[in-house]
Amino acid sequence: MLARNRRQHDARGYAQRYADLLAQMARAYPYNWFNFYEFWQPPERLGDTTERAAPVEEASG
């Protein structure tokens, strides 16, 4: 548990240690970071069959 008076400072330190570890692993294993999921394809190309919510119409006066 983080002490209330040092919470912000300690959280930054933990976040930096995590970022440093990720950077170290990325440098050590550069070919293990490829993402095979097609994030940037439109949903139709991914076979997405979920229904989309209809746009909300503004109430008239």
Protein backbone atom coordinates (compact mmCIF):
# COMPACT_ATOMS: atom_id res chain seq x y z
CA MET A 1 0.00 0.00 0.00
CA LEU A 2 1.26 3.45 -0.87
CA ALA A 3 1.52 6.06 1.85
CA ARG A 4 -0.98 8.82 1.19
CA ASN A 5 1.62 11.60 1.34
CA ARG A 6 3.90 9.82 -1.20
CA ARG A 7 1.30 8.14 -3.40
CA GLN A 8 1.86 10.33 -6.49
CA HIS A 9 5.64 10.11 -6.24
CA ASP A 10 5.69 6.35 -5.63
CA ALA A 11 3.16 5.65 -8.40
CA ARG A 12 5.34 7.55 -10.88
CA GLY A 13 8.33 5.48 -9.77
CA TYR A 14 6.47 2.19 -10.26
CA ALA A 15 5.18 3.29 -13.66
CA GLN A 16 8.71 4.26 -14.73
CA ARG A 17 10.12 0.92 -13.57
CA TYR A 18 7.43 -0.89 -15.58
CA ALA A 19 8.14 1.22 -18.68
CA ASP A 20 11.88 0.57 -18.30
CA LEU A 21 11.25 -3.18 -18.03
CA LEU A 22 9.09 -3.14 -21.18
CA ALA A 23 11.79 -1.21 -23.04
CA GLN A 24 14.44 -3.66 -21.87
CA MET A 25 12.37 -6.65 -23.02
CA ALA A 26 11.60 -5.02 -26.38
CA ARG A 27 15.32 -4.47 -26.96
CA ALA A 28 16.24 -7.99 -25.83
CA TYR A 29 13.50 -9.72 -27.89
CA PRO A 30 12.69 -7.39 -30.80
CA TYR A 31 10.86 -10.01 -32.86
CA ASN A 32 8.40 -11.01 -30.11
CA TRP A 33 6.30 -7.85 -30.39
CA PHE A 34 4.45 -8.30 -33.66
CA ASN A 35 0.69 -8.04 -33.35
CA PHE A 36 -1.14 -10.45 -35.65
CA TYR A 37 -4.58 -8.97 -34.93
CA GLU A 38 -5.79 -6.66 -37.68
CA PHE A 39 -6.56 -3.69 -35.46
CA TRP A 40 -6.88 -1.18 -38.24
CA GLN A 41 -9.26 -3.06 -40.50
CA PRO A 42 -12.89 -1.93 -40.66
CA PRO A 43 -15.23 -4.23 -38.66
CA GLU A 44 -16.81 -5.60 -41.85
CA ARG A 45 -13.42 -6.96 -42.94
CA LEU A 46 -12.99 -8.73 -39.61
CA GLY A 47 -16.28 -10.59 -39.86
CA ASP A 48 -17.81 -8.50 -37.10
CA THR A 49 -21.47 -9.46 -36.92
CA THR A 50 -22.36 -7.49 -33.80
CA GLU A 51 -25.21 -5.05 -34.22
CA ARG A 52 -24.42 -1.37 -34.09
CA ALA A 53 -26.57 0.93 -32.02
CA ALA A 54 -28.70 3.29 -34.07
CA PRO A 55 -27.66 6.94 -33.84
CA VAL A 56 -29.53 8.88 -31.20
CA GLU A 57 -31.85 11.44 -32.71
CA GLU A 58 -32.11 14.83 -31.12
CA ALA A 59 -35.45 15.63 -29.52
CA SER A 60 -37.31 18.36 -31.35
CA GLY A 61 -38.51 21.41 -29.49
